[in-house]
Amino acid sequence: MDKKLFEKALKMPVNERVVFAELILASLDQENDEVRLAWLDEVNSRIKAAKEGSAKLIEDSEDLVDLRKAKAETMNKPSFSYNEIDDKINQTTKKVKAMTEKRPSKRRSAD
């Protein structure tokens, strides 16, 4: 790590350090192309469903409040078994493992 850069950053005003830190963090947050494309497909699918009328949109805050109340009421009633949870965890673990095995390694050299 470049100590001079770090010392210079510490001398910056607080608001500039915040922006600088956010830029550094943003540079680390690079989405996997496969994940990004999957989200784009999901967004397009939801837009299509809304246009075709096969999805019910929340029109106002009262609808949202009603949905949250209904969800809160059902949260107290388990609608699943522990075996179903274990199966879902295993399926997800396999998917993640398969995705990471397909992805080429992007290792950076330490400077």
Protein backbone atom coordinates (compact mmCIF):
# COMPACT_ATOMS: atom_id res chain seq x y z
CA MET A 1 0.00 0.00 0.00
CA ASP A 2 1.19 3.49 -0.80
CA LYS A 3 1.66 5.19 2.57
CA LYS A 4 2.00 8.62 0.96
CA LEU A 5 -1.41 8.27 -0.66
CA PHE A 6 -2.90 7.15 2.66
CA GLU A 7 -1.35 10.07 4.54
CA LYS A 8 -2.56 12.47 1.87
CA ALA A 9 -6.07 11.02 2.07
CA LEU A 10 -6.11 11.49 5.86
CA LYS A 11 -5.34 15.19 5.38
CA MET A 12 -8.40 15.65 3.15
CA PRO A 13 -11.52 17.30 4.58
CA VAL A 14 -14.02 14.79 5.98
CA ASN A 15 -16.54 15.17 3.16
CA GLU A 16 -13.83 14.58 0.55
CA ARG A 17 -12.58 11.51 2.47
CA VAL A 18 -16.12 10.12 2.45
CA VAL A 19 -16.38 10.55 -1.32
CA PHE A 20 -12.90 9.07 -1.78
CA ALA A 21 -13.78 6.07 0.40
CA GLU A 22 -17.03 5.52 -1.50
CA LEU A 23 -15.15 5.56 -4.80
CA ILE A 24 -12.64 3.02 -3.48
CA LEU A 25 -15.44 0.76 -2.22
CA ALA A 26 -17.38 1.11 -5.47
CA SER A 27 -14.32 -0.09 -7.36
CA LEU A 28 -14.49 -3.34 -5.35
CA ASP A 29 -18.19 -3.89 -6.02
CA GLN A 30 -17.99 -5.36 -9.50
CA GLU A 31 -20.89 -7.64 -10.32
CA ASN A 32 -20.38 -10.90 -12.06
CA ASP A 33 -21.67 -10.54 -15.64
CA GLU A 34 -23.85 -13.63 -15.23
CA VAL A 35 -25.53 -12.15 -12.13
CA ARG A 36 -25.98 -8.76 -13.79
CA LEU A 37 -27.57 -10.36 -16.86
CA ALA A 38 -29.86 -12.46 -14.66
CA TRP A 39 -31.07 -9.30 -12.88
CA LEU A 40 -31.66 -7.58 -16.22
CA ASP A 41 -33.73 -10.57 -17.36
CA GLU A 42 -35.73 -10.40 -14.12
CA VAL A 43 -36.38 -6.68 -14.53
CA ASN A 44 -37.47 -7.14 -18.15
CA SER A 45 -39.72 -10.02 -17.13
CA ARG A 46 -41.38 -7.89 -14.45
CA ILE A 47 -41.86 -4.98 -16.85
CA LYS A 48 -43.46 -7.33 -19.38
CA ALA A 49 -45.76 -8.83 -16.71
CA ALA A 50 -46.82 -5.34 -15.63
CA LYS A 51 -47.56 -4.29 -19.21
CA GLU A 52 -49.53 -7.47 -19.91
CA GLY A 53 -51.48 -7.11 -16.68
CA SER A 54 -50.35 -10.46 -15.28
CA ALA A 55 -48.65 -8.74 -12.34
CA LYS A 56 -50.50 -6.71 -9.74
CA LEU A 57 -48.73 -3.45 -9.06
CA ILE A 58 -48.87 -1.70 -5.71
CA GLU A 59 -50.64 1.55 -6.46
CA ASP A 60 -50.54 3.37 -3.15
CA SER A 61 -49.14 3.21 0.35
CA GLU A 62 -52.33 1.68 1.77
CA ASP A 63 -51.86 -1.39 -0.44
CA LEU A 64 -48.29 -1.67 0.78
CA VAL A 65 -49.40 -1.39 4.42
CA ASP A 66 -52.00 -4.13 3.83
CA LEU A 67 -49.38 -6.39 2.24
CA ARG A 68 -46.98 -5.84 5.13
CA LYS A 69 -49.71 -6.62 7.68
CA ALA A 70 -50.62 -9.81 5.83
CA LYS A 71 -46.98 -10.82 5.68
CA ALA A 72 -46.51 -10.11 9.39
CA GLU A 73 -49.52 -12.28 10.21
CA THR A 74 -48.20 -15.19 8.16
CA MET A 75 -44.69 -14.86 9.61
CA ASN A 76 -45.96 -16.34 12.87
CA LYS A 77 -47.28 -19.42 11.05
CA PRO A 78 -44.58 -21.67 9.60
CA SER A 79 -45.54 -22.64 6.08
CA PHE A 80 -42.51 -24.84 5.52
CA SER A 81 -40.65 -27.75 7.05
CA TYR A 82 -37.04 -27.89 8.10
CA ASN A 83 -36.45 -30.49 5.38
CA GLU A 84 -37.68 -28.00 2.78
CA ILE A 85 -35.26 -25.40 4.14
CA ASP A 86 -32.38 -27.90 4.07
CA ASP A 87 -33.26 -28.85 0.49
CA LYS A 88 -33.36 -25.19 -0.57
CA ILE A 89 -29.99 -24.52 1.09
CA ASN A 90 -28.47 -27.54 -0.65
CA GLN A 91 -29.88 -26.46 -4.04
CA THR A 92 -28.57 -22.93 -3.60
CA THR A 93 -25.17 -24.17 -2.48
CA LYS A 94 -24.92 -26.37 -5.58
CA LYS A 95 -25.92 -23.46 -7.86
CA VAL A 96 -23.36 -21.13 -6.29
CA LYS A 97 -20.66 -23.78 -6.50
CA ALA A 98 -21.47 -24.41 -10.17
CA MET A 99 -21.38 -20.68 -10.92
CA THR A 100 -18.04 -20.19 -9.20
CA GLU A 101 -16.52 -23.19 -10.95
CA LYS A 102 -17.54 -21.79 -14.36
CA ARG A 103 -16.16 -18.33 -13.63
CA PRO A 104 -12.53 -17.76 -14.58
CA SER A 105 -10.27 -16.78 -11.73
CA LYS A 106 -9.55 -13.04 -11.59
CA ARG A 107 -6.70 -12.81 -9.16
CA ARG A 108 -4.89 -9.56 -8.85
CA SER A 109 -1.24 -9.36 -7.99
CA ALA A 110 -0.47 -7.66 -4.69
CA ASP A 111 1.35 -4.39 -5.31
